[in-house]
Amino acid sequence: MDLNIFIDGDQGTTGLDLQNRLRGGEFRIRTLPTNLRKDAAARRVALNECDIAILCLPDAAARDAVAMIENPSVRVIDASSAHRTSPGWVYGLPELDARQGERIASAARVTNPGCYPTAAVALLRPLTDAGLLPADYPLVIHAVSGYSGQGRAGAEAHEAGTGAHSLKVYGLALEHKHVAEIEAYAGLAERPIFVPAYGSYRQGIVLTIGLHERMLPSDASGMRIHECLAQRYRDAAHVHVQPMSSAVPMTELDPQVHNGSNDLSLAVACNERTGQIVLGAVLDNLGKGAAGAAVQNLRLMAAIEPASEHRR
């Protein structure tokens, strides 16, 4: 593959993982030397000379990078949250619907999904599309990520002992930047409550959403919801719906089972006696939640990975 890929922000958590995933692959990867990483002129040249720029930057720096691009043939994958709900940007979740892989493949501007929203949207969007979940359902979403979700500085502080914790719940001002993204792409009409946390393990996310059958349409049982998810992702290469059986019910989720991969597992647990349902998702926050998703989108944009693989 003769495409020239420039990674802007190559020394952050996502940038480093992205380089590991692309090493020895189909692309020519360019990064700037240490002394030029913050040099605006050098960045501008690199951004305008590449075929695809992957931005692994804080939001403000990502916006600045996009503003530097004057070459109309340069395509962009933004791994920050700067453009996730911006007009003109294609949401980089190929499994969002039957045509999203094709949209990504032809896009000039792709915004990588957030790690938490990848899990939440994958669970919720099929249900709102099918009418099994009212768009105004009062959702409460809880998620725990490995401490690498804090970024490189936060991860290094945790490992050095200066920022160590067993579990840290955050976002209690209820203004987390991922909420708007979840609301927009999950097909919701009301803002969900989102309660994230960091665990004492390095990477991996477990996200859960509780539902009450009495507040759902009459045909929205746990089994029906599971069937909806299984049907939606039956041909998806990276999304797996766990089997559901009354004989062997799901009793636990391990946030680390997909570490190092680009996979996402979805699960449904229910209690018919109480009329309660729990939706669950597990993914690697550095994989399907960040660098792995960027590689998946890159391969679609480079026509290496067929967009049809993401059809449901």
Protein backbone atom coordinates (compact mmCIF):
# COMPACT_ATOMS: atom_id res chain seq x y z
CA MET A 1 0.00 0.00 0.00
CA ASP A 2 1.55 3.29 -1.14
CA LEU A 3 -0.53 5.62 1.02
CA ASN A 4 1.39 8.08 3.17
CA ILE A 5 -0.08 8.22 6.70
CA PHE A 6 0.90 11.03 9.07
CA ILE A 7 0.21 10.54 12.79
CA ASP A 8 -0.05 13.87 14.57
CA GLY A 9 0.29 13.30 18.31
CA ASP A 10 2.22 10.05 18.04
CA GLN A 11 3.52 10.00 21.63
CA GLY A 12 0.19 9.95 23.46
CA THR A 13 -1.52 6.75 24.61
CA THR A 14 -3.54 6.39 21.40
CA GLY A 15 -0.69 7.46 19.14
CA LEU A 16 1.75 4.95 20.59
CA ASP A 17 -0.76 2.11 20.40
CA LEU A 18 -1.67 3.11 16.85
CA GLN A 19 1.97 2.86 15.76
CA ASN A 20 2.25 -0.61 17.30
CA ARG A 21 -0.84 -1.74 15.40
CA LEU A 22 0.40 -0.32 12.08
CA ARG A 23 4.04 -1.41 12.38
CA GLY A 24 5.09 -3.66 9.51
CA GLY A 25 1.73 -3.21 7.77
CA GLU A 26 0.49 -1.90 4.46
CA PHE A 27 1.12 1.81 4.99
CA ARG A 28 4.01 4.27 4.99
CA ILE A 29 3.84 5.87 8.44
CA ARG A 30 5.29 9.30 9.11
CA THR A 31 5.77 11.02 12.45
CA LEU A 32 7.74 14.11 13.34
CA PRO A 33 11.03 13.96 15.26
CA THR A 34 10.92 15.02 18.90
CA ASN A 35 12.21 18.55 18.27
CA LEU A 36 9.51 19.27 15.66
CA ARG A 37 6.39 17.74 17.27
CA LYS A 38 5.16 21.12 18.45
CA ASP A 39 6.59 23.11 15.53
CA ALA A 40 3.57 24.57 13.72
CA ALA A 41 5.37 24.96 10.40
CA ALA A 42 6.63 21.38 10.39
CA ARG A 43 3.21 20.07 11.34
CA ARG A 44 1.56 22.11 8.60
CA VAL A 45 3.90 20.66 5.96
CA ALA A 46 3.39 17.08 7.19
CA LEU A 47 -0.39 17.50 7.37
CA ASN A 48 -0.56 18.80 3.80
CA GLU A 49 1.85 16.26 2.28
CA CYS A 50 0.13 13.09 3.54
CA ASP A 51 -2.73 11.11 2.06
CA ILE A 52 -4.46 10.47 5.39
CA ALA A 53 -3.74 12.29 8.66
CA ILE A 54 -4.61 10.58 11.93
CA LEU A 55 -4.98 13.05 14.77
CA CYS A 56 -4.17 11.66 18.23
CA LEU A 57 -4.39 15.02 19.96
CA PRO A 58 -6.31 16.94 22.61
CA ASP A 59 -9.47 18.53 21.22
CA ALA A 60 -8.10 22.07 20.77
CA ALA A 61 -4.95 20.81 19.05
CA ALA A 62 -7.05 18.60 16.76
CA ARG A 63 -9.12 21.59 15.68
CA ASP A 64 -5.92 23.53 15.01
CA ALA A 65 -4.54 20.65 12.94
CA VAL A 66 -7.64 20.51 10.76
CA ALA A 67 -7.43 24.26 10.23
CA MET A 68 -3.85 23.82 8.98
CA ILE A 69 -4.90 21.47 6.17
CA GLU A 70 -5.14 23.33 2.86
CA ASN A 71 -4.58 20.39 0.51
CA PRO A 72 -8.08 19.25 -0.56
CA SER A 73 -6.90 15.69 -1.20
CA VAL A 74 -5.82 15.10 2.41
CA ARG A 75 -8.25 12.92 4.33
CA VAL A 76 -8.49 12.91 8.13
CA ILE A 77 -9.25 10.49 10.94
CA ASP A 78 -9.65 12.44 14.18
CA ALA A 79 -9.24 10.28 17.30
CA SER A 80 -10.12 13.19 19.61
CA SER A 81 -13.63 14.21 20.59
CA ALA A 82 -13.37 17.56 18.79
CA HIS A 83 -15.56 16.68 15.80
CA ARG A 84 -17.77 13.79 16.93
CA THR A 85 -21.02 15.64 16.43
CA SER A 86 -19.78 18.19 13.88
CA PRO A 87 -21.51 18.60 10.50
CA GLY A 88 -19.47 17.28 7.60
CA TRP A 89 -17.76 14.59 9.65
CA VAL A 90 -18.63 10.89 9.29
CA TYR A 91 -18.93 8.96 12.54
CA GLY A 92 -16.28 6.25 12.52
CA LEU A 93 -18.32 3.35 13.85
CA PRO A 94 -18.65 1.04 10.82
CA GLU A 95 -21.25 -1.07 12.63
CA LEU A 96 -23.59 1.89 13.26
CA ASP A 97 -25.92 0.81 10.45
CA ALA A 98 -25.86 -1.09 7.17
CA ARG A 99 -24.35 1.80 5.18
CA GLN A 100 -21.88 3.29 7.65
CA GLY A 101 -18.92 1.29 6.40
CA GLU A 102 -19.51 2.68 2.91
CA ARG A 103 -19.83 6.22 4.24
CA ILE A 104 -16.50 5.90 6.06
CA ALA A 105 -14.81 4.38 3.01
CA SER A 106 -15.63 7.43 0.88
CA ALA A 107 -15.31 10.12 3.55
CA ALA A 108 -12.81 12.97 3.62
CA ARG A 109 -13.33 13.55 7.36
CA VAL A 110 -13.89 10.72 9.83
CA THR A 111 -14.29 11.18 13.56
CA ASN A 112 -13.33 8.19 15.69
CA PRO A 113 -16.01 7.33 18.28
CA GLY A 114 -15.28 7.68 21.96
CA CYS A 115 -14.46 4.51 23.88
CA TYR A 116 -17.54 4.63 26.12
CA PRO A 117 -19.91 5.74 23.31
CA THR A 118 -18.75 2.83 21.13
CA ALA A 119 -20.16 0.44 23.73
CA ALA A 120 -23.29 2.45 24.55
CA VAL A 121 -24.25 3.19 20.94
CA ALA A 122 -23.64 -0.41 19.84
CA LEU A 123 -26.08 -1.58 22.52
CA LEU A 124 -28.73 1.11 22.16
CA ARG A 125 -28.94 2.05 18.48
CA PRO A 126 -30.36 -1.29 17.28
CA LEU A 127 -33.02 -1.11 20.00
CA THR A 128 -34.16 2.42 19.20
CA ASP A 129 -34.14 1.59 15.48
CA ALA A 130 -36.35 -1.44 16.13
CA GLY A 131 -38.73 0.39 18.45
CA LEU A 132 -37.80 -1.84 21.39
CA LEU A 133 -36.44 1.08 23.41
CA PRO A 134 -38.36 4.36 23.59
CA ALA A 135 -36.17 7.28 22.54
CA ASP A 136 -37.16 9.12 25.74
CA TYR A 137 -36.38 6.23 28.12
CA PRO A 138 -34.66 7.62 31.28
CA LEU A 139 -31.36 5.79 30.79
CA VAL A 140 -28.60 5.45 33.36
CA ILE A 141 -25.31 4.20 31.90
CA HIS A 142 -22.48 3.00 34.11
CA ALA A 143 -19.00 2.14 32.87
CA VAL A 144 -15.59 1.28 34.27
CA SER A 145 -12.41 1.77 32.24
CA GLY A 146 -8.83 0.78 32.92
CA TYR A 147 -6.66 3.63 34.15
CA SER A 148 -5.07 4.08 30.72
CA GLY A 149 -8.29 5.92 29.86
CA GLN A 150 -6.86 8.85 31.81
CA GLY A 151 -4.27 9.37 29.08
CA ARG A 152 -0.51 8.90 29.13
CA ALA A 153 0.18 11.26 32.04
CA GLY A 154 -2.60 9.77 34.15
CA ALA A 155 -1.49 6.22 33.41
CA GLU A 156 2.12 7.00 34.27
CA ALA A 157 1.03 8.66 37.54
CA HIS A 158 -1.05 5.62 38.46
CA GLU A 159 1.81 3.23 37.74
CA ALA A 160 4.22 5.42 39.71
CA GLY A 161 1.88 5.31 42.69
CA THR A 162 1.22 9.04 42.79
CA GLY A 163 -2.24 8.70 41.25
CA ALA A 164 -3.08 5.14 42.24
CA HIS A 165 -6.61 4.15 43.19
CA SER A 166 -8.66 0.96 43.38
CA LEU A 167 -11.72 2.58 41.83
CA LYS A 168 -12.44 6.21 41.04
CA VAL A 169 -15.90 7.37 39.96
CA TYR A 170 -15.85 10.66 38.08
CA GLY A 171 -18.03 12.83 35.86
CA LEU A 172 -20.48 13.50 38.68
CA ALA A 173 -21.14 17.02 37.45
CA LEU A 174 -23.11 15.13 34.75
CA GLU A 175 -21.45 17.11 31.97
CA HIS A 176 -19.23 14.39 30.50
CA LYS A 177 -18.29 15.21 26.91
CA HIS A 178 -19.35 11.76 25.67
CA VAL A 179 -23.01 12.23 26.59
CA ALA A 180 -23.91 14.34 23.56
CA GLU A 181 -22.27 11.76 21.30
CA ILE A 182 -24.21 8.89 22.90
CA GLU A 183 -27.48 10.81 22.65
CA ALA A 184 -26.92 11.71 19.00
CA TYR A 185 -25.86 8.31 17.64
CA ALA A 186 -27.96 6.04 19.85
CA GLY A 187 -31.12 7.72 18.56
CA LEU A 188 -32.14 9.14 21.93
CA ALA A 189 -34.52 12.03 22.50
CA GLU A 190 -33.50 12.57 26.13
CA ARG A 191 -30.06 13.03 27.64
CA PRO A 192 -28.93 9.86 29.47
CA ILE A 193 -27.21 9.90 32.85
CA PHE A 194 -23.65 8.66 32.36
CA VAL A 195 -21.52 7.58 35.34
CA PRO A 196 -17.96 6.57 34.36
CA ALA A 197 -15.19 5.24 36.58
CA TYR A 198 -11.53 4.20 36.41
CA GLY A 199 -10.44 0.85 37.81
CA SER A 200 -6.99 -0.19 39.03
CA TYR A 201 -6.27 -2.33 35.96
CA ARG A 202 -4.55 -0.86 32.89
CA GLN A 203 -7.05 -1.24 30.05
CA GLY A 204 -10.46 -2.60 29.14
CA ILE A 205 -14.01 -1.28 29.57
CA VAL A 206 -17.17 -2.85 30.94
CA LEU A 207 -20.35 -0.81 30.38
CA THR A 208 -23.81 -1.68 31.66
CA ILE A 209 -27.30 -0.25 31.16
CA GLY A 210 -30.29 -1.31 33.25
CA LEU A 211 -33.82 -1.49 31.80
CA HIS A 212 -37.26 -2.16 33.34
CA GLU A 213 -39.61 -4.23 31.18
CA ARG A 214 -42.64 -2.32 32.51
CA MET A 215 -41.26 0.84 30.86
CA LEU A 216 -40.65 -0.83 27.48
CA PRO A 217 -43.03 -1.76 24.65
CA SER A 218 -44.97 -4.95 25.29
CA ASP A 219 -42.80 -7.05 22.95
CA ALA A 220 -39.47 -5.88 24.43
CA SER A 221 -38.45 -8.85 26.57
CA GLY A 222 -34.84 -9.70 27.37
CA MET A 223 -34.94 -12.48 24.79
CA ARG A 224 -36.39 -10.19 22.12
CA ILE A 225 -33.71 -7.58 22.80
CA HIS A 226 -31.02 -10.24 22.52
CA GLU A 227 -32.47 -11.42 19.20
CA CYS A 228 -32.45 -7.85 17.92
CA LEU A 229 -28.77 -7.39 18.76
CA ALA A 230 -27.81 -10.79 17.38
CA GLN A 231 -29.59 -10.07 14.10
CA ARG A 232 -28.08 -6.60 13.80
CA TYR A 233 -24.50 -7.79 14.21
CA ARG A 234 -24.72 -11.22 12.59
CA ASP A 235 -22.20 -10.27 9.85
CA ALA A 236 -20.05 -7.84 11.84
CA ALA A 237 -16.39 -8.84 11.95
CA HIS A 238 -15.59 -7.12 15.24
CA VAL A 239 -18.86 -7.10 17.23
CA HIS A 240 -19.94 -10.30 18.95
CA VAL A 241 -23.23 -10.88 20.75
CA GLN A 242 -22.82 -13.40 23.54
CA PRO A 243 -25.24 -16.36 23.61
CA MET A 244 -28.24 -16.06 25.91
CA SER A 245 -29.63 -19.13 27.63
CA SER A 246 -32.01 -19.58 30.56
CA ALA A 247 -30.13 -22.80 31.37
CA VAL A 248 -26.75 -21.02 31.57
CA PRO A 249 -27.47 -17.36 32.34
CA MET A 250 -24.77 -14.70 32.15
CA THR A 251 -23.54 -13.87 35.64
CA GLU A 252 -20.41 -11.76 35.11
CA LEU A 253 -18.44 -9.64 32.63
CA ASP A 254 -14.66 -9.28 32.51
CA PRO A 255 -13.56 -5.86 31.18
CA GLN A 256 -10.18 -7.19 30.06
CA VAL A 257 -11.17 -10.10 27.80
CA HIS A 258 -10.68 -8.12 24.57
CA ASN A 259 -7.47 -6.32 25.51
CA GLY A 260 -5.13 -6.02 22.55
CA SER A 261 -7.89 -6.64 20.01
CA ASN A 262 -10.41 -4.60 18.05
CA ASP A 263 -13.33 -6.69 19.29
CA LEU A 264 -16.46 -5.67 21.15
CA SER A 265 -18.73 -8.13 22.99
CA LEU A 266 -22.37 -7.38 23.79
CA ALA A 267 -24.51 -9.30 26.25
CA VAL A 268 -28.04 -9.32 27.65
CA ALA A 269 -28.97 -10.53 31.12
CA CYS A 270 -32.54 -10.61 32.39
CA ASN A 271 -34.65 -11.74 35.33
CA GLU A 272 -38.16 -12.66 34.25
CA ARG A 273 -39.45 -12.67 37.83
CA THR A 274 -38.39 -9.08 38.52
CA GLY A 275 -38.87 -7.79 34.97
CA GLN A 276 -35.37 -6.34 34.90
CA ILE A 277 -32.84 -6.39 32.06
CA VAL A 278 -29.15 -5.47 31.97
CA LEU A 279 -27.33 -4.72 28.74
CA GLY A 280 -23.58 -5.18 28.88
CA ALA A 281 -20.60 -4.42 26.66
CA VAL A 282 -16.87 -5.16 26.91
CA LEU A 283 -14.08 -3.70 24.76
CA ASP A 284 -10.49 -2.52 24.96
CA ASN A 285 -10.50 1.25 25.47
CA LEU A 286 -7.21 1.37 23.53
CA GLY A 287 -8.51 -1.03 20.86
CA LYS A 288 -12.07 -0.76 19.56
CA GLY A 289 -12.30 2.33 21.77
CA ALA A 290 -9.36 4.17 20.18
CA ALA A 291 -6.41 2.96 18.07
CA GLY A 292 -8.06 -0.26 16.91
CA ALA A 293 -11.04 1.69 15.62
CA ALA A 294 -8.72 4.13 13.84
CA VAL A 295 -7.00 1.24 12.06
CA GLN A 296 -10.38 -0.25 11.10
CA ASN A 297 -11.47 3.10 9.64
CA LEU A 298 -8.11 3.56 7.92
CA ARG A 299 -8.41 0.18 6.24
CA LEU A 300 -11.91 1.08 5.04
CA MET A 301 -10.73 4.42 3.67
CA ALA A 302 -7.80 2.70 1.93
CA ALA A 303 -10.15 0.09 0.41
CA ILE A 304 -8.26 -2.73 2.15
CA GLU A 305 -11.18 -3.80 4.32
CA PRO A 306 -14.42 -4.21 2.32
CA ALA A 307 -17.21 -1.96 3.53
CA SER A 308 -19.63 -4.82 2.86
CA GLU A 309 -18.16 -6.74 5.82
CA HIS A 310 -19.98 -4.31 8.09
CA ARG A 311 -23.43 -4.85 6.60
CA ARG A 312 -26.16 -6.27 8.79
